[in-house]
């Protein structure tokens, strides 16, 4: 196999969706908020302990976020943590219609 034998596939913009994860949009949103929390900590040179003193959020929670162990976090909790770091948070939701799965029957009103 030569270097020319490959196919370039463009992703959807959501790696979790590309890998078929069941809650892909939620995981993507949490990853984006986690990246902002990490960017804020790094930008201010805050350790997890310093962030705890500043926000009241346990340093172990910041450690989980830094290590991208986000399964324990709800999206609203992560947004709250970002707010406690004195960051303004704006959430935009874009709704896109999804194709409906064939159900074998139709719904009638």
PDB file of N, CA and C in Angstrom:
ATOM      1  N   UNK A   1       0.845  -1.173   0.000  1.00  0.00           N
ATOM      2  CA  UNK A   1       0.000   0.000   0.000  1.00  0.00           C
ATOM      3  C   UNK A   1       0.891   1.237   0.000  1.00  0.00           C
ATOM      4  N   UNK A   2       0.623   2.147  -0.908  1.00  0.00           N
ATOM      5  CA  UNK A   2       1.425   3.365  -1.000  1.00  0.00           C
ATOM      6  C   UNK A   2       0.739   4.499  -0.252  1.00  0.00           C
ATOM      7  N   UNK A   3       1.457   5.598  -0.110  1.00  0.00           N
ATOM      8  CA  UNK A   3       0.904   6.768   0.568  1.00  0.00           C
ATOM      9  C   UNK A   3      -0.282   7.361  -0.185  1.00  0.00           C
ATOM     10  N   UNK A   4      -0.400   7.030  -1.468  1.00  0.00           N
ATOM     11  CA  UNK A   4      -1.496   7.569  -2.281  1.00  0.00           C
ATOM     12  C   UNK A   4      -2.791   6.787  -2.100  1.00  0.00           C
ATOM     13  N   UNK A   5      -2.755   5.655  -1.399  1.00  0.00           N
ATOM     14  CA  UNK A   5      -3.932   4.802  -1.229  1.00  0.00           C
ATOM     15  C   UNK A   5      -4.693   5.148   0.053  1.00  0.00           C
ATOM     16  N   UNK A   6      -5.283   6.325   0.080  1.00  0.00           N
ATOM     17  CA  UNK A   6      -6.097   6.688   1.233  1.00  0.00           C
ATOM     18  C   UNK A   6      -7.263   7.533   0.760  1.00  0.00           C
ATOM     19  N   UNK A   7      -8.261   7.578   1.579  1.00  0.00           N
ATOM     20  CA  UNK A   7      -9.440   8.363   1.263  1.00  0.00           C
ATOM     21  C   UNK A   7      -9.606   9.434   2.336  1.00  0.00           C
ATOM     22  N   UNK A   8      -9.792  10.658   1.925  1.00  0.00           N
ATOM     23  CA  UNK A   8     -10.018  11.759   2.843  1.00  0.00           C
ATOM     24  C   UNK A   8     -11.516  11.863   3.110  1.00  0.00           C
ATOM     25  N   UNK A   9     -11.879  11.777   4.379  1.00  0.00           N
ATOM     26  CA  UNK A   9     -13.278  11.872   4.762  1.00  0.00           C
ATOM     27  C   UNK A   9     -13.439  13.096   5.645  1.00  0.00           C
ATOM     28  N   UNK A  10     -14.349  13.974   5.274  1.00  0.00           N
ATOM     29  CA  UNK A  10     -14.616  15.172   6.073  1.00  0.00           C
ATOM     30  C   UNK A  10     -15.571  14.825   7.197  1.00  0.00           C
ATOM     31  N   UNK A  11     -15.245  15.285   8.390  1.00  0.00           N
ATOM     32  CA  UNK A  11     -16.101  15.049   9.539  1.00  0.00           C
ATOM     33  C   UNK A  11     -17.292  15.987   9.546  1.00  0.00           C
ATOM     34  N   UNK A  12     -18.185  15.713  10.453  1.00  0.00           N
ATOM     35  CA  UNK A  12     -19.409  16.506  10.579  1.00  0.00           C
ATOM     36  C   UNK A  12     -19.184  17.787  11.378  1.00  0.00           C
ATOM     37  N   UNK A  13     -18.028  17.900  12.039  1.00  0.00           N
ATOM     38  CA  UNK A  13     -17.795  19.005  12.951  1.00  0.00           C
ATOM     39  C   UNK A  13     -18.036  18.587  14.393  1.00  0.00           C
ATOM     40  N   UNK A  14     -18.527  17.368  14.570  1.00  0.00           N
ATOM     41  CA  UNK A  14     -18.752  16.813  15.906  1.00  0.00           C
ATOM     42  C   UNK A  14     -18.153  15.409  15.916  1.00  0.00           C
ATOM     43  N   UNK A  15     -16.989  15.278  16.514  1.00  0.00           N
ATOM     44  CA  UNK A  15     -16.274  13.999  16.509  1.00  0.00           C
ATOM     45  C   UNK A  15     -17.083  12.905  17.200  1.00  0.00           C
ATOM     46  N   UNK A  16     -17.875  13.289  18.196  1.00  0.00           N
ATOM     47  CA  UNK A  16     -18.691  12.300  18.900  1.00  0.00           C
ATOM     48  C   UNK A  16     -19.754  11.719  17.967  1.00  0.00           C
ATOM     49  N   UNK A  17     -20.330  12.557  17.113  1.00  0.00           N
ATOM     50  CA  UNK A  17     -21.307  12.084  16.126  1.00  0.00           C
ATOM     51  C   UNK A  17     -20.620  11.215  15.081  1.00  0.00           C
ATOM     52  N   UNK A  18     -19.428  11.637  14.668  1.00  0.00           N
ATOM     53  CA  UNK A  18     -18.695  10.882  13.654  1.00  0.00           C
ATOM     54  C   UNK A  18     -18.391   9.462  14.120  1.00  0.00           C
ATOM     55  N   UNK A  19     -18.227   9.286  15.438  1.00  0.00           N
ATOM     56  CA  UNK A  19     -17.956   7.963  15.981  1.00  0.00           C
ATOM     57  C   UNK A  19     -19.213   7.259  16.484  1.00  0.00           C
ATOM     58  N   UNK A  20     -20.373   7.842  16.183  1.00  0.00           N
ATOM     59  CA  UNK A  20     -21.634   7.179  16.477  1.00  0.00           C
ATOM     60  C   UNK A  20     -22.033   7.156  17.943  1.00  0.00           C
ATOM     61  N   UNK A  21     -21.559   8.113  18.724  1.00  0.00           N
ATOM     62  CA  UNK A  21     -21.910   8.156  20.143  1.00  0.00           C
ATOM     63  C   UNK A  21     -23.380   8.528  20.292  1.00  0.00           C
ATOM     64  N   UNK A  22     -24.100   7.908  21.234  1.00  0.00           N
ATOM     65  CA  UNK A  22     -25.542   8.138  21.353  1.00  0.00           C
ATOM     66  C   UNK A  22     -25.928   9.556  21.781  1.00  0.00           C
ATOM     67  N   UNK A  23     -25.148  10.225  22.595  1.00  0.00           N
ATOM     68  CA  UNK A  23     -25.439  11.591  23.041  1.00  0.00           C
ATOM     69  C   UNK A  23     -24.401  12.558  22.484  1.00  0.00           C
ATOM     70  N   UNK A  24     -24.162  12.462  21.207  1.00  0.00           N
ATOM     71  CA  UNK A  24     -23.074  13.194  20.563  1.00  0.00           C
ATOM     72  C   UNK A  24     -23.171  14.701  20.751  1.00  0.00           C
ATOM     73  N   UNK A  25     -24.352  15.270  20.601  1.00  0.00           N
ATOM     74  CA  UNK A  25     -24.482  16.724  20.709  1.00  0.00           C
ATOM     75  C   UNK A  25     -24.212  17.194  22.133  1.00  0.00           C
ATOM     76  N   UNK A  26     -24.693  16.450  23.118  1.00  0.00           N
ATOM     77  CA  UNK A  26     -24.440  16.790  24.516  1.00  0.00           C
ATOM     78  C   UNK A  26     -22.950  16.670  24.826  1.00  0.00           C
ATOM     79  N   UNK A  27     -22.325  15.601  24.370  1.00  0.00           N
ATOM     80  CA  UNK A  27     -20.889  15.431  24.619  1.00  0.00           C
ATOM     81  C   UNK A  27     -20.076  16.546  23.972  1.00  0.00           C
ATOM     82  N   UNK A  28     -20.470  16.952  22.778  1.00  0.00           N
ATOM     83  CA  UNK A  28     -19.778  18.051  22.084  1.00  0.00           C
ATOM     84  C   UNK A  28     -19.934  19.347  22.875  1.00  0.00           C
ATOM     85  N   UNK A  29     -21.132  19.625  23.362  1.00  0.00           N
ATOM     86  CA  UNK A  29     -21.370  20.849  24.134  1.00  0.00           C
ATOM     87  C   UNK A  29     -20.542  20.849  25.416  1.00  0.00           C
ATOM     88  N   UNK A  30     -20.513  19.711  26.108  1.00  0.00           N
ATOM     89  CA  UNK A  30     -19.711  19.629  27.331  1.00  0.00           C
ATOM     90  C   UNK A  30     -18.233  19.823  27.025  1.00  0.00           C
ATOM     91  N   UNK A  31     -17.752  19.255  25.933  1.00  0.00           N
ATOM     92  CA  UNK A  31     -16.339  19.399  25.559  1.00  0.00           C
ATOM     93  C   UNK A  31     -16.000  20.859  25.261  1.00  0.00           C
ATOM     94  N   UNK A  32     -16.903  21.571  24.616  1.00  0.00           N
ATOM     95  CA  UNK A  32     -16.664  22.982  24.298  1.00  0.00           C
ATOM     96  C   UNK A  32     -16.606  23.810  25.582  1.00  0.00           C
ATOM     97  N   UNK A  33     -17.547  23.567  26.513  1.00  0.00           N
ATOM     98  CA  UNK A  33     -17.551  24.311  27.774  1.00  0.00           C
ATOM     99  C   UNK A  33     -16.309  23.958  28.598  1.00  0.00           C
ATOM    100  N   UNK A  34     -15.934  22.674  28.622  1.00  0.00           N
ATOM    101  CA  UNK A  34     -14.724  22.261  29.351  1.00  0.00           C
ATOM    102  C   UNK A  34     -13.502  22.966  28.789  1.00  0.00           C
ATOM    103  N   UNK A  35     -13.419  23.078  27.471  1.00  0.00           N
ATOM    104  CA  UNK A  35     -12.282  23.768  26.846  1.00  0.00           C
ATOM    105  C   UNK A  35     -12.236  25.233  27.276  1.00  0.00           C
ATOM    106  N   UNK A  36     -13.403  25.861  27.422  1.00  0.00           N
ATOM    107  CA  UNK A  36     -13.442  27.254  27.866  1.00  0.00           C
ATOM    108  C   UNK A  36     -13.011  27.380  29.326  1.00  0.00           C
ATOM    109  N   UNK A  37     -13.416  26.417  30.163  1.00  0.00           N
ATOM    110  CA  UNK A  37     -12.991  26.433  31.563  1.00  0.00           C
ATOM    111  C   UNK A  37     -11.475  26.290  31.640  1.00  0.00           C
ATOM    112  N   UNK A  38     -10.929  25.349  30.899  1.00  0.00           N
ATOM    113  CA  UNK A  38      -9.481  25.128  30.884  1.00  0.00           C
ATOM    114  C   UNK A  38      -8.758  26.363  30.351  1.00  0.00           C
ATOM    115  N   UNK A  39      -9.284  26.950  29.286  1.00  0.00           N
ATOM    116  CA  UNK A  39      -8.674  28.153  28.700  1.00  0.00           C
ATOM    117  C   UNK A  39      -8.666  29.292  29.727  1.00  0.00           C
ATOM    118  N   UNK A  40      -9.743  29.422  30.498  1.00  0.00           N
ATOM    119  CA  UNK A  40      -9.828  30.464  31.525  1.00  0.00           C
ATOM    120  C   UNK A  40      -8.814  30.216  32.637  1.00  0.00           C
ATOM    121  N   UNK A  41      -8.734  28.969  33.112  1.00  0.00           N
ATOM    122  CA  UNK A  41      -7.760  28.639  34.156  1.00  0.00           C
ATOM    123  C   UNK A  41      -6.339  28.925  33.677  1.00  0.00           C
ATOM    124  N   UNK A  42      -6.033  28.463  32.475  1.00  0.00           N
ATOM    125  CA  UNK A  42      -4.686  28.664  31.928  1.00  0.00           C
ATOM    126  C   UNK A  42      -4.389  30.140  31.699  1.00  0.00           C
ATOM    127  N   UNK A  43      -5.371  30.864  31.183  1.00  0.00           N
ATOM    128  CA  UNK A  43      -5.182  32.289  30.905  1.00  0.00           C
ATOM    129  C   UNK A  43      -4.907  33.100  32.157  1.00  0.00           C
ATOM    130  N   UNK A  44      -5.477  32.657  33.269  1.00  0.00           N
ATOM    131  CA  UNK A  44      -5.257  33.354  34.538  1.00  0.00           C
ATOM    132  C   UNK A  44      -4.147  32.717  35.368  1.00  0.00           C
ATOM    133  N   UNK A  45      -3.593  31.636  34.859  1.00  0.00           N
ATOM    134  CA  UNK A  45      -2.531  30.944  35.586  1.00  0.00           C
ATOM    135  C   UNK A  45      -3.015  30.336  36.887  1.00  0.00           C
ATOM    136  N   UNK A  46      -4.267  29.872  36.911  1.00  0.00           N
ATOM    137  CA  UNK A  46      -4.855  29.313  38.134  1.00  0.00           C
ATOM    138  C   UNK A  46      -4.631  27.808  38.235  1.00  0.00           C
ATOM    139  N   UNK A  47      -4.180  27.368  39.398  1.00  0.00           N
ATOM    140  CA  UNK A  47      -4.141  25.931  39.669  1.00  0.00           C
ATOM    141  C   UNK A  47      -5.548  25.500  40.062  1.00  0.00           C
ATOM    142  N   UNK A  48      -5.764  24.202  40.166  1.00  0.00           N
ATOM    143  CA  UNK A  48      -7.081  23.717  40.570  1.00  0.00           C
ATOM    144  C   UNK A  48      -7.401  24.153  42.001  1.00  0.00           C
ATOM    145  N   UNK A  49      -6.395  24.204  42.849  1.00  0.00           N
ATOM    146  CA  UNK A  49      -6.600  24.654  44.239  1.00  0.00           C
ATOM    147  C   UNK A  49      -6.955  26.142  44.289  1.00  0.00           C
ATOM    148  N   UNK A  50      -6.288  26.942  43.478  1.00  0.00           N
ATOM    149  CA  UNK A  50      -6.599  28.372  43.435  1.00  0.00           C
ATOM    150  C   UNK A  50      -8.002  28.607  42.879  1.00  0.00           C
ATOM    151  N   UNK A  51      -8.375  27.816  41.879  1.00  0.00           N
ATOM    152  CA  UNK A  51      -9.714  27.925  41.309  1.00  0.00           C
ATOM    153  C   UNK A  51     -10.772  27.544  42.342  1.00  0.00           C
ATOM    154  N   UNK A  52     -10.455  26.551  43.182  1.00  0.00           N
ATOM    155  CA  UNK A  52     -11.375  26.154  44.247  1.00  0.00           C
ATOM    156  C   UNK A  52     -11.605  27.316  45.210  1.00  0.00           C
ATOM    157  N   UNK A  53     -10.538  27.975  45.621  1.00  0.00           N
ATOM    158  CA  UNK A  53     -10.658  29.110  46.548  1.00  0.00           C
ATOM    159  C   UNK A  53     -11.472  30.239  45.934  1.00  0.00           C
ATOM    160  N   UNK A  54     -11.293  30.453  44.658  1.00  0.00           N
ATOM    161  CA  UNK A  54     -11.978  31.536  43.960  1.00  0.00           C
ATOM    162  C   UNK A  54     -13.466  31.253  43.753  1.00  0.00           C
ATOM    163  N   UNK A  55     -13.814  29.993  43.494  1.00  0.00           N
ATOM    164  CA  UNK A  55     -15.181  29.667  43.074  1.00  0.00           C
ATOM    165  C   UNK A  55     -15.995  28.862  44.075  1.00  0.00           C
ATOM    166  N   UNK A  56     -15.317  28.168  44.992  1.00  0.00           N
ATOM    167  CA  UNK A  56     -16.029  27.264  45.890  1.00  0.00           C
ATOM    168  C   UNK A  56     -16.280  25.894  45.278  1.00  0.00           C
ATOM    169  N   UNK A  57     -15.840  25.687  44.053  1.00  0.00           N
ATOM    170  CA  UNK A  57     -15.954  24.389  43.377  1.00  0.00           C
ATOM    171  C   UNK A  57     -14.726  23.572  43.751  1.00  0.00           C
ATOM    172  N   UNK A  58     -14.930  22.335  44.185  1.00  0.00           N
ATOM    173  CA  UNK A  58     -13.807  21.503  44.649  1.00  0.00           C
ATOM    174  C   UNK A  58     -12.725  21.374  43.577  1.00  0.00           C
ATOM    175  N   UNK A  59     -11.485  21.378  44.057  1.00  0.00           N
ATOM    176  CA  UNK A  59     -10.365  21.283  43.106  1.00  0.00           C
ATOM    177  C   UNK A  59     -10.411  19.974  42.324  1.00  0.00           C
ATOM    178  N   UNK A  60     -10.970  18.927  42.924  1.00  0.00           N
ATOM    179  CA  UNK A  60     -11.063  17.641  42.210  1.00  0.00           C
ATOM    180  C   UNK A  60     -11.979  17.746  40.988  1.00  0.00           C
ATOM    181  N   UNK A  61     -12.966  18.639  41.062  1.00  0.00           N
ATOM    182  CA  UNK A  61     -13.856  18.852  39.914  1.00  0.00           C
ATOM    183  C   UNK A  61     -13.088  19.533  38.778  1.00  0.00           C
ATOM    184  N   UNK A  62     -12.272  20.513  39.128  1.00  0.00           N
ATOM    185  CA  UNK A  62     -11.445  21.155  38.099  1.00  0.00           C
ATOM    186  C   UNK A  62     -10.447  20.159  37.521  1.00  0.00           C
ATOM    187  N   UNK A  63      -9.958  19.275  38.361  1.00  0.00           N
ATOM    188  CA  UNK A  63      -9.034  18.241  37.907  1.00  0.00           C
ATOM    189  C   UNK A  63      -9.727  17.309  36.906  1.00  0.00           C
ATOM    190  N   UNK A  64     -10.964  16.939  37.198  1.00  0.00           N
ATOM    191  CA  UNK A  64     -11.723  16.095  36.266  1.00  0.00           C
ATOM    192  C   UNK A  64     -11.915  16.808  34.926  1.00  0.00           C
ATOM    193  N   UNK A  65     -12.230  18.081  34.998  1.00  0.00           N
ATOM    194  CA  UNK A  65     -12.413  18.841  33.760  1.00  0.00           C
ATOM    195  C   UNK A  65     -11.099  18.903  32.985  1.00  0.00           C
ATOM    196  N   UNK A  66     -10.004  19.194  33.661  1.00  0.00           N
ATOM    197  CA  UNK A  66      -8.693  19.244  32.987  1.00  0.00           C
ATOM    198  C   UNK A  66      -8.336  17.907  32.332  1.00  0.00           C
ATOM    199  N   UNK A  67      -8.769  16.805  32.952  1.00  0.00           N
ATOM    200  CA  UNK A  67      -8.468  15.474  32.419  1.00  0.00           C
ATOM    201  C   UNK A  67      -9.577  14.946  31.510  1.00  0.00           C
ATOM    202  N   UNK A  68     -10.502  15.812  31.158  1.00  0.00           N
ATOM    203  CA  UNK A  68     -11.617  15.521  30.253  1.00  0.00           C
ATOM    204  C   UNK A  68     -12.394  14.277  30.695  1.00  0.00           C
ATOM    205  N   UNK A  69     -12.631  14.205  31.987  1.00  0.00           N
ATOM    206  CA  UNK A  69     -13.503  13.170  32.538  1.00  0.00           C
ATOM    207  C   UNK A  69     -14.819  13.856  32.870  1.00  0.00           C
ATOM    208  N   UNK A  70     -15.650  14.026  31.864  1.00  0.00           N
ATOM    209  CA  UNK A  70     -16.806  14.913  31.945  1.00  0.00           C
ATOM    210  C   UNK A  70     -18.125  14.192  32.197  1.00  0.00           C
ATOM    211  N   UNK A  71     -18.099  12.864  32.312  1.00  0.00           N
ATOM    212  CA  UNK A  71     -19.351  12.121  32.429  1.00  0.00           C
ATOM    213  C   UNK A  71     -20.165  12.486  33.664  1.00  0.00           C
ATOM    214  N   UNK A  72     -19.553  12.990  34.707  1.00  0.00           N
ATOM    215  CA  UNK A  72     -20.267  13.371  35.932  1.00  0.00           C
ATOM    216  C   UNK A  72     -20.911  14.747  35.846  1.00  0.00           C
ATOM    217  N   UNK A  73     -20.578  15.504  34.832  1.00  0.00           N
ATOM    218  CA  UNK A  73     -21.012  16.894  34.754  1.00  0.00           C
ATOM    219  C   UNK A  73     -22.223  17.054  33.858  1.00  0.00           C
ATOM    220  N   UNK A  74     -23.204  17.797  34.370  1.00  0.00           N
ATOM    221  CA  UNK A  74     -24.301  18.221  33.505  1.00  0.00           C
ATOM    222  C   UNK A  74     -23.850  19.493  32.803  1.00  0.00           C
ATOM    223  N   UNK A  75     -24.481  19.784  31.707  1.00  0.00           N
ATOM    224  CA  UNK A  75     -24.123  20.975  30.951  1.00  0.00           C
ATOM    225  C   UNK A  75     -24.371  22.235  31.776  1.00  0.00           C
ATOM    226  N   UNK A  76     -25.485  22.284  32.496  1.00  0.00           N
ATOM    227  CA  UNK A  76     -25.771  23.487  33.285  1.00  0.00           C
ATOM    228  C   UNK A  76     -24.764  23.665  34.418  1.00  0.00           C
ATOM    229  N   UNK A  77     -24.289  22.580  34.983  1.00  0.00           N
ATOM    230  CA  UNK A  77     -23.287  22.675  36.042  1.00  0.00           C
ATOM    231  C   UNK A  77     -21.971  23.241  35.505  1.00  0.00           C
ATOM    232  N   UNK A  78     -21.593  22.800  34.327  1.00  0.00           N
ATOM    233  CA  UNK A  78     -20.357  23.308  33.734  1.00  0.00           C
ATOM    234  C   UNK A  78     -20.480  24.784  33.380  1.00  0.00           C
ATOM    235  N   UNK A  79     -21.656  25.193  32.912  1.00  0.00           N
ATOM    236  CA  UNK A  79     -21.880  26.601  32.603  1.00  0.00           C
ATOM    237  C   UNK A  79     -21.817  27.420  33.890  1.00  0.00           C
ATOM    238  N   UNK A  80     -22.364  26.877  34.978  1.00  0.00           N
ATOM    239  CA  UNK A  80     -22.299  27.549  36.276  1.00  0.00           C
ATOM    240  C   UNK A  80     -20.859  27.715  36.740  1.00  0.00           C
ATOM    241  N   UNK A  81     -20.047  26.682  36.565  1.00  0.00           N
ATOM    242  CA  UNK A  81     -18.623  26.764  36.943  1.00  0.00           C
ATOM    243  C   UNK A  81     -17.935  27.859  36.140  1.00  0.00           C
ATOM    244  N   UNK A  82     -18.219  27.919  34.857  1.00  0.00           N
ATOM    245  CA  UNK A  82     -17.622  28.961  34.019  1.00  0.00           C
ATOM    246  C   UNK A  82     -18.067  30.342  34.497  1.00  0.00           C
ATOM    247  N   UNK A  83     -19.326  30.465  34.894  1.00  0.00           N
ATOM    248  CA  UNK A  83     -19.823  31.725  35.432  1.00  0.00           C
ATOM    249  C   UNK A  83     -19.147  32.100  36.730  1.00  0.00           C
ATOM    250  N   UNK A  84     -18.847  31.104  37.574  1.00  0.00           N
ATOM    251  CA  UNK A  84     -18.150  31.376  38.837  1.00  0.00           C
ATOM    252  C   UNK A  84     -16.725  31.853  38.607  1.00  0.00           C
ATOM    253  N   UNK A  85     -16.217  31.593  37.431  1.00  0.00           N
ATOM    254  CA  UNK A  85     -14.892  32.102  37.059  1.00  0.00           C
ATOM    255  C   UNK A  85     -15.005  33.502  36.450  1.00  0.00           C
ATOM    256  N   UNK A  86     -16.174  34.121  36.637  1.00  0.00           N
ATOM    257  CA  UNK A  86     -16.456  35.474  36.151  1.00  0.00           C
ATOM    258  C   UNK A  86     -16.415  35.585  34.632  1.00  0.00           C
ATOM    259  N   UNK A  87     -16.797  34.529  33.970  1.00  0.00           N
ATOM    260  CA  UNK A  87     -16.884  34.558  32.517  1.00  0.00           C
ATOM    261  C   UNK A  87     -18.352  34.719  32.121  1.00  0.00           C
ATOM    262  N   UNK A  88     -18.605  35.558  31.126  1.00  0.00           N
ATOM    263  CA  UNK A  88     -19.953  35.688  30.589  1.00  0.00           C
ATOM    264  C   UNK A  88     -20.209  34.499  29.679  1.00  0.00           C
ATOM    265  N   UNK A  89     -21.365  33.900  29.840  1.00  0.00           N
ATOM    266  CA  UNK A  89     -21.700  32.718  29.056  1.00  0.00           C
ATOM    267  C   UNK A  89     -22.932  33.022  28.230  1.00  0.00           C
ATOM    268  N   UNK A  90     -22.836  32.792  26.943  1.00  0.00           N
ATOM    269  CA  UNK A  90     -23.971  32.939  26.043  1.00  0.00           C
ATOM    270  C   UNK A  90     -24.135  31.617  25.306  1.00  0.00           C
ATOM    271  N   UNK A  91     -25.330  31.077  25.341  1.00  0.00           N
ATOM    272  CA  UNK A  91     -25.604  29.803  24.694  1.00  0.00           C
ATOM    273  C   UNK A  91     -26.528  30.051  23.514  1.00  0.00           C
ATOM    274  N   UNK A  92     -26.124  29.586  22.353  1.00  0.00           N
ATOM    275  CA  UNK A  92     -26.958  29.654  21.155  1.00  0.00           C
ATOM    276  C   UNK A  92     -27.349  28.247  20.762  1.00  0.00           C
ATOM    277  N   UNK A  93     -28.616  28.065  20.480  1.00  0.00           N
ATOM    278  CA  UNK A  93     -29.111  26.761  20.071  1.00  0.00           C
ATOM    279  C   UNK A  93     -29.598  26.865  18.639  1.00  0.00           C
ATOM    280  N   UNK A  94     -29.099  25.985  17.800  1.00  0.00           N
ATOM    281  CA  UNK A  94     -29.539  25.929  16.414  1.00  0.00           C
ATOM    282  C   UNK A  94     -30.254  24.612  16.203  1.00  0.00           C
ATOM    283  N   UNK A  95     -31.495  24.697  15.809  1.00  0.00           N
ATOM    284  CA  UNK A  95     -32.274  23.490  15.566  1.00  0.00           C
ATOM    285  C   UNK A  95     -32.219  23.147  14.089  1.00  0.00           C
ATOM    286  N   UNK A  96     -31.870  21.912  13.810  1.00  0.00           N
ATOM    287  CA  UNK A  96     -31.858  21.412  12.444  1.00  0.00           C
ATOM    288  C   UNK A  96     -32.773  20.203  12.384  1.00  0.00           C
ATOM    289  N   UNK A  97     -33.656  20.172  11.431  1.00  0.00           N
ATOM    290  CA  UNK A  97     -34.538  19.005  11.357  1.00  0.00           C
ATOM    291  C   UNK A  97     -33.740  17.745  11.048  1.00  0.00           C
ATOM    292  N   UNK A  98     -34.094  16.669  11.724  1.00  0.00           N
ATOM    293  CA  UNK A  98     -33.458  15.378  11.476  1.00  0.00           C
ATOM    294  C   UNK A  98     -34.436  14.509  10.711  1.00  0.00           C
ATOM    295  N   UNK A  99     -33.918  13.660   9.856  1.00  0.00           N
ATOM    296  CA  UNK A  99     -34.826  12.745   9.166  1.00  0.00           C
ATOM    297  C   UNK A  99     -35.489  11.817  10.180  1.00  0.00           C
ATOM    298  N   UNK A 100     -36.758  11.604  10.012  1.00  0.00           N
ATOM    299  CA  UNK A 100     -37.490  10.728  10.919  1.00  0.00           C
ATOM    300  C   UNK A 100     -37.237   9.284  10.538  1.00  0.00           C
ATOM    301  N   UNK A 101     -37.070   8.447  11.536  1.00  0.00           N
ATOM    302  CA  UNK A 101     -36.887   7.017  11.300  1.00  0.00           C
ATOM    303  C   UNK A 101     -38.226   6.408  10.919  1.00  0.00           C
ATOM    304  N   UNK A 102     -38.191   5.466  10.040  1.00  0.00           N
ATOM    305  CA  UNK A 102     -39.428   4.763   9.686  1.00  0.00           C
ATOM    306  C   UNK A 102     -39.913   3.979  10.874  1.00  0.00           C
ATOM    307  N   UNK A 103     -41.171   4.191  11.236  1.00  0.00           N
ATOM    308  CA  UNK A 103     -41.694   3.546  12.453  1.00  0.00           C
ATOM    309  C   UNK A 103     -42.636   2.398  12.149  1.00  0.00           C
ATOM    310  N   UNK A 104     -42.975   2.216  10.904  1.00  0.00           N
ATOM    311  CA  UNK A 104     -43.904   1.129  10.573  1.00  0.00           C
ATOM    312  C   UNK A 104     -45.355   1.548  10.689  1.00  0.00           C
ATOM    313  N   UNK A 105     -45.598   2.688  11.263  1.00  0.00           N
ATOM    314  CA  UNK A 105     -46.962   3.180  11.400  1.00  0.00           C
ATOM    315  C   UNK A 105     -46.952   4.691  11.430  1.00  0.00           C
ATOM    316  N   UNK A 106     -48.102   5.273  11.179  1.00  0.00           N
ATOM    317  CA  UNK A 106     -48.191   6.724  11.186  1.00  0.00           C
ATOM    318  C   UNK A 106     -48.971   7.176  12.387  1.00  0.00           C
ATOM    319  N   UNK A 107     -48.644   8.354  12.881  1.00  0.00           N
ATOM    320  CA  UNK A 107     -49.370   8.951  13.977  1.00  0.00           C
ATOM    321  C   UNK A 107     -50.495   9.807  13.408  1.00  0.00           C
ATOM    322  N   UNK A 108     -51.649   9.663  13.996  1.00  0.00           N
ATOM    323  CA  UNK A 108     -52.791  10.471  13.566  1.00  0.00           C
ATOM    324  C   UNK A 108     -53.294  11.279  14.749  1.00  0.00           C
ATOM    325  N   UNK A 109     -53.590  12.542  14.496  1.00  0.00           N
ATOM    326  CA  UNK A 109     -54.094  13.414  15.570  1.00  0.00           C
ATOM    327  C   UNK A 109     -55.590  13.302  15.708  1.00  0.00           C
TER     328      UNK A 109
END
